[in-house]
């Protein structure tokens, strides 16, 4: 969710900066177009980098989740097997009613 907010912030900030730059810059039309082109390319690169970073983070979290799931599943399986073994031992030791 934080990555989404960051990307939205980058896009909004880039657009606001571009508009203000166009409105207040005493440049010719060609200079303004060049500026807007450069700004949009920089914004695209920043956004792409943030998206890639977010994807890497999600992959890391997914991998850690899989590891935790497997670990907990194995622990539960061992605990259930131990419980069954204790139950069998108790059943063998107690006289029938």
N, C-alpha and C. Protein backbone atom coordinates (compact mmCIF):
# COMPACT_ATOMS: atom_id res chain seq x y z
N UNK A 1 0.82 -1.18 0.00
CA UNK A 1 0.00 0.00 0.00
C UNK A 1 0.87 1.25 0.00
N UNK A 2 1.98 1.23 0.74
CA UNK A 2 2.87 2.38 0.79
C UNK A 2 3.50 2.64 -0.57
N UNK A 3 3.80 1.58 -1.31
CA UNK A 3 4.38 1.74 -2.64
C UNK A 3 3.37 2.42 -3.57
N UNK A 4 2.10 2.07 -3.45
CA UNK A 4 1.06 2.70 -4.26
C UNK A 4 0.98 4.20 -3.95
N UNK A 5 1.02 4.53 -2.67
CA UNK A 5 0.96 5.93 -2.27
C UNK A 5 2.18 6.69 -2.78
N UNK A 6 3.33 6.04 -2.74
CA UNK A 6 4.54 6.68 -3.22
C UNK A 6 4.47 6.95 -4.72
N UNK A 7 4.00 5.97 -5.47
CA UNK A 7 3.88 6.15 -6.91
C UNK A 7 2.88 7.26 -7.23
N UNK A 8 1.75 7.26 -6.52
CA UNK A 8 0.76 8.32 -6.74
C UNK A 8 1.36 9.69 -6.42
N UNK A 9 2.12 9.76 -5.34
CA UNK A 9 2.76 11.02 -4.96
C UNK A 9 3.77 11.47 -6.00
N UNK A 10 4.55 10.54 -6.53
CA UNK A 10 5.51 10.89 -7.57
C UNK A 10 4.82 11.41 -8.82
N UNK A 11 3.76 10.73 -9.22
CA UNK A 11 3.04 11.16 -10.42
C UNK A 11 2.42 12.54 -10.21
N UNK A 12 1.75 12.71 -9.07
CA UNK A 12 1.10 13.99 -8.80
C UNK A 12 2.13 15.10 -8.70
N UNK A 13 3.23 14.85 -8.00
CA UNK A 13 4.27 15.87 -7.86
C UNK A 13 4.89 16.22 -9.20
N UNK A 14 5.11 15.21 -10.02
CA UNK A 14 5.67 15.46 -11.35
C UNK A 14 4.75 16.30 -12.21
N UNK A 15 3.47 15.98 -12.17
CA UNK A 15 2.51 16.74 -12.97
C UNK A 15 2.40 18.18 -12.49
N UNK A 16 2.34 18.36 -11.18
CA UNK A 16 2.23 19.71 -10.63
C UNK A 16 3.48 20.52 -10.97
N UNK A 17 4.63 19.89 -10.82
CA UNK A 17 5.88 20.58 -11.15
C UNK A 17 5.95 20.96 -12.62
N UNK A 18 5.50 20.07 -13.49
CA UNK A 18 5.53 20.36 -14.93
C UNK A 18 4.60 21.52 -15.27
N UNK A 19 3.41 21.51 -14.70
CA UNK A 19 2.44 22.58 -14.98
C UNK A 19 2.98 23.92 -14.48
N UNK A 20 3.49 23.93 -13.25
CA UNK A 20 4.04 25.18 -12.72
C UNK A 20 5.24 25.64 -13.54
N UNK A 21 6.05 24.71 -13.97
CA UNK A 21 7.19 25.07 -14.79
C UNK A 21 6.77 25.72 -16.10
N UNK A 22 5.74 25.20 -16.71
CA UNK A 22 5.24 25.77 -17.97
C UNK A 22 4.65 27.15 -17.74
N UNK A 23 3.89 27.30 -16.67
CA UNK A 23 3.22 28.57 -16.41
C UNK A 23 4.19 29.70 -16.05
N UNK A 24 5.24 29.38 -15.33
CA UNK A 24 6.11 30.43 -14.81
C UNK A 24 7.47 30.53 -15.51
N UNK A 25 7.76 29.67 -16.41
CA UNK A 25 9.07 29.71 -17.08
C UNK A 25 9.03 30.65 -18.28
N UNK A 26 9.97 31.57 -18.33
CA UNK A 26 10.03 32.48 -19.49
C UNK A 26 10.85 31.84 -20.61
N UNK A 27 10.36 30.73 -21.13
CA UNK A 27 11.09 30.00 -22.15
C UNK A 27 10.29 30.00 -23.45
N UNK A 28 10.98 29.68 -24.51
CA UNK A 28 10.30 29.57 -25.80
C UNK A 28 9.51 28.26 -25.83
N UNK A 29 8.68 28.11 -26.84
CA UNK A 29 7.88 26.89 -26.97
C UNK A 29 8.73 25.65 -27.09
N UNK A 30 9.81 25.70 -27.86
CA UNK A 30 10.69 24.54 -28.03
C UNK A 30 11.36 24.19 -26.71
N UNK A 31 11.84 25.19 -26.00
CA UNK A 31 12.48 24.95 -24.71
C UNK A 31 11.48 24.34 -23.73
N UNK A 32 10.27 24.84 -23.75
CA UNK A 32 9.24 24.31 -22.85
C UNK A 32 8.91 22.86 -23.20
N UNK A 33 8.78 22.56 -24.50
CA UNK A 33 8.51 21.18 -24.91
C UNK A 33 9.65 20.25 -24.52
N UNK A 34 10.88 20.71 -24.72
CA UNK A 34 12.04 19.91 -24.31
C UNK A 34 12.03 19.65 -22.81
N UNK A 35 11.70 20.70 -22.06
CA UNK A 35 11.64 20.57 -20.60
C UNK A 35 10.57 19.55 -20.19
N UNK A 36 9.39 19.66 -20.82
CA UNK A 36 8.31 18.74 -20.48
C UNK A 36 8.68 17.31 -20.85
N UNK A 37 9.33 17.14 -21.99
CA UNK A 37 9.75 15.80 -22.42
C UNK A 37 10.76 15.22 -21.42
N UNK A 38 11.73 16.01 -21.05
CA UNK A 38 12.75 15.56 -20.09
C UNK A 38 12.11 15.24 -18.74
N UNK A 39 11.22 16.11 -18.29
CA UNK A 39 10.56 15.90 -17.00
C UNK A 39 9.72 14.62 -17.00
N UNK A 40 9.02 14.39 -18.10
CA UNK A 40 8.19 13.19 -18.16
C UNK A 40 9.05 11.94 -18.18
N UNK A 41 10.19 11.99 -18.87
CA UNK A 41 11.10 10.85 -18.89
C UNK A 41 11.67 10.57 -17.50
N UNK A 42 12.05 11.63 -16.79
CA UNK A 42 12.57 11.47 -15.42
C UNK A 42 11.50 10.89 -14.51
N UNK A 43 10.29 11.39 -14.64
CA UNK A 43 9.18 10.89 -13.82
C UNK A 43 8.92 9.42 -14.12
N UNK A 44 8.96 9.06 -15.40
CA UNK A 44 8.76 7.67 -15.79
C UNK A 44 9.83 6.77 -15.17
N UNK A 45 11.08 7.19 -15.24
CA UNK A 45 12.18 6.39 -14.69
C UNK A 45 12.05 6.25 -13.17
N UNK A 46 11.70 7.33 -12.49
CA UNK A 46 11.53 7.25 -11.04
C UNK A 46 10.38 6.31 -10.68
N UNK A 47 9.29 6.43 -11.42
CA UNK A 47 8.13 5.59 -11.17
C UNK A 47 8.45 4.12 -11.43
N UNK A 48 9.15 3.87 -12.54
CA UNK A 48 9.54 2.49 -12.89
C UNK A 48 10.43 1.90 -11.80
N UNK A 49 11.37 2.69 -11.31
CA UNK A 49 12.27 2.21 -10.26
C UNK A 49 11.48 1.89 -8.99
N UNK A 50 10.52 2.73 -8.65
CA UNK A 50 9.72 2.49 -7.45
C UNK A 50 8.86 1.24 -7.61
N UNK A 51 8.30 1.04 -8.79
CA UNK A 51 7.48 -0.14 -9.05
C UNK A 51 8.34 -1.40 -8.94
N UNK A 52 9.52 -1.36 -9.54
CA UNK A 52 10.42 -2.52 -9.45
C UNK A 52 10.80 -2.81 -8.01
N UNK A 53 11.08 -1.78 -7.25
CA UNK A 53 11.42 -1.96 -5.84
C UNK A 53 10.23 -2.57 -5.09
N UNK A 54 9.03 -2.10 -5.38
CA UNK A 54 7.83 -2.65 -4.75
C UNK A 54 7.62 -4.11 -5.13
N UNK A 55 7.89 -4.46 -6.38
CA UNK A 55 7.74 -5.84 -6.81
C UNK A 55 8.75 -6.74 -6.10
N UNK A 56 9.99 -6.27 -5.98
CA UNK A 56 11.01 -7.06 -5.26
C UNK A 56 10.58 -7.28 -3.81
N UNK A 57 10.08 -6.24 -3.19
CA UNK A 57 9.65 -6.35 -1.80
C UNK A 57 8.50 -7.35 -1.66
N UNK A 58 7.54 -7.29 -2.59
CA UNK A 58 6.41 -8.23 -2.56
C UNK A 58 6.90 -9.66 -2.76
N UNK A 59 7.86 -9.87 -3.65
CA UNK A 59 8.41 -11.21 -3.86
C UNK A 59 9.10 -11.72 -2.61
N UNK A 60 9.86 -10.83 -1.94
CA UNK A 60 10.52 -11.22 -0.70
C UNK A 60 9.50 -11.60 0.37
N UNK A 61 8.45 -10.79 0.48
CA UNK A 61 7.42 -11.07 1.48
C UNK A 61 6.68 -12.38 1.16
N UNK A 62 6.42 -12.62 -0.11
CA UNK A 62 5.74 -13.86 -0.50
C UNK A 62 6.62 -15.06 -0.18
N UNK A 63 7.90 -14.96 -0.45
CA UNK A 63 8.82 -16.06 -0.16
C UNK A 63 8.89 -16.31 1.34
N UNK A 64 8.96 -15.25 2.11
CA UNK A 64 9.00 -15.40 3.58
C UNK A 64 7.70 -16.02 4.08
N UNK A 65 6.58 -15.64 3.50
CA UNK A 65 5.30 -16.23 3.88
C UNK A 65 5.26 -17.72 3.59
N UNK A 66 5.80 -18.12 2.45
CA UNK A 66 5.84 -19.55 2.11
C UNK A 66 6.71 -20.31 3.11
N UNK A 67 7.85 -19.71 3.46
CA UNK A 67 8.75 -20.35 4.43
C UNK A 67 8.05 -20.53 5.78
N UNK A 68 7.39 -19.47 6.23
CA UNK A 68 6.69 -19.54 7.52
C UNK A 68 5.57 -20.58 7.48
N UNK A 69 4.84 -20.63 6.37
CA UNK A 69 3.76 -21.59 6.23
C UNK A 69 4.30 -23.02 6.33
N UNK A 70 5.37 -23.29 5.60
CA UNK A 70 5.96 -24.63 5.61
C UNK A 70 6.47 -24.98 7.01
N UNK A 71 7.13 -24.03 7.64
CA UNK A 71 7.65 -24.25 8.99
C UNK A 71 6.53 -24.56 9.98
N UNK A 72 5.49 -23.77 9.96
CA UNK A 72 4.37 -23.97 10.89
C UNK A 72 3.63 -25.27 10.58
N UNK A 73 3.49 -25.59 9.32
CA UNK A 73 2.82 -26.82 8.93
C UNK A 73 3.60 -28.03 9.45
N UNK A 74 4.91 -27.98 9.30
CA UNK A 74 5.75 -29.09 9.79
C UNK A 74 5.67 -29.21 11.31
N UNK A 75 5.68 -28.08 12.00
CA UNK A 75 5.57 -28.11 13.47
C UNK A 75 4.23 -28.69 13.90
N UNK A 76 3.16 -28.30 13.22
CA UNK A 76 1.84 -28.81 13.56
C UNK A 76 1.76 -30.31 13.30
N UNK A 77 2.32 -30.75 12.19
CA UNK A 77 2.31 -32.17 11.87
C UNK A 77 3.04 -32.97 12.96
N UNK A 78 4.21 -32.49 13.37
CA UNK A 78 4.97 -33.17 14.43
C UNK A 78 4.20 -33.18 15.75
N UNK A 79 3.56 -32.08 16.06
CA UNK A 79 2.79 -31.99 17.30
C UNK A 79 1.61 -32.96 17.27
N UNK A 80 0.95 -33.05 16.13
CA UNK A 80 -0.18 -33.98 16.02
C UNK A 80 0.30 -35.43 16.13
N UNK A 81 1.42 -35.73 15.49
CA UNK A 81 1.97 -37.08 15.58
C UNK A 81 2.34 -37.42 17.02
N UNK A 82 2.92 -36.47 17.73
CA UNK A 82 3.28 -36.69 19.14
C UNK A 82 2.02 -36.89 19.97
N UNK A 83 0.97 -36.10 19.68
CA UNK A 83 -0.28 -36.24 20.41
C UNK A 83 -0.91 -37.60 20.17
N UNK A 84 -0.89 -38.07 18.95
CA UNK A 84 -1.44 -39.39 18.64
C UNK A 84 -0.64 -40.47 19.36
N UNK A 85 0.66 -40.32 19.39
CA UNK A 85 1.52 -41.30 20.07
C UNK A 85 1.22 -41.33 21.57
N UNK A 86 1.08 -40.18 22.18
CA UNK A 86 0.75 -40.12 23.60
C UNK A 86 -0.61 -40.75 23.85
N UNK A 87 -1.57 -40.47 22.99
CA UNK A 87 -2.90 -41.05 23.13
C UNK A 87 -2.83 -42.58 23.07
N UNK A 88 -2.07 -43.11 22.12
CA UNK A 88 -1.93 -44.56 22.00
C UNK A 88 -1.28 -45.16 23.24
N UNK A 89 -0.27 -44.49 23.75
CA UNK A 89 0.42 -44.97 24.95
C UNK A 89 -0.53 -44.97 26.15
N UNK A 90 -1.29 -43.93 26.30
CA UNK A 90 -2.25 -43.84 27.41
C UNK A 90 -3.32 -44.92 27.27
N UNK A 91 -3.78 -45.14 26.08
CA UNK A 91 -4.82 -46.13 25.84
C UNK A 91 -4.30 -47.54 26.18
N UNK A 92 -3.05 -47.81 25.84
CA UNK A 92 -2.46 -49.12 26.13
C UNK A 92 -2.25 -49.33 27.64
N UNK A 93 -1.93 -48.25 28.35
CA UNK A 93 -1.63 -48.35 29.78
C UNK A 93 -2.88 -48.37 30.66
N UNK A 94 -3.96 -47.78 30.21
CA UNK A 94 -5.15 -47.74 31.03
C UNK A 94 -5.99 -49.01 30.85
N UNK A 95 -6.52 -49.55 31.94
CA UNK A 95 -7.32 -50.76 31.84
C UNK A 95 -8.66 -50.47 31.19
N UNK A 96 -9.22 -51.47 30.48
CA UNK A 96 -10.51 -51.24 29.85
C UNK A 96 -11.60 -51.07 30.90
N UNK A 97 -12.56 -50.28 30.60
CA UNK A 97 -13.63 -50.00 31.56
C UNK A 97 -14.77 -50.98 31.47
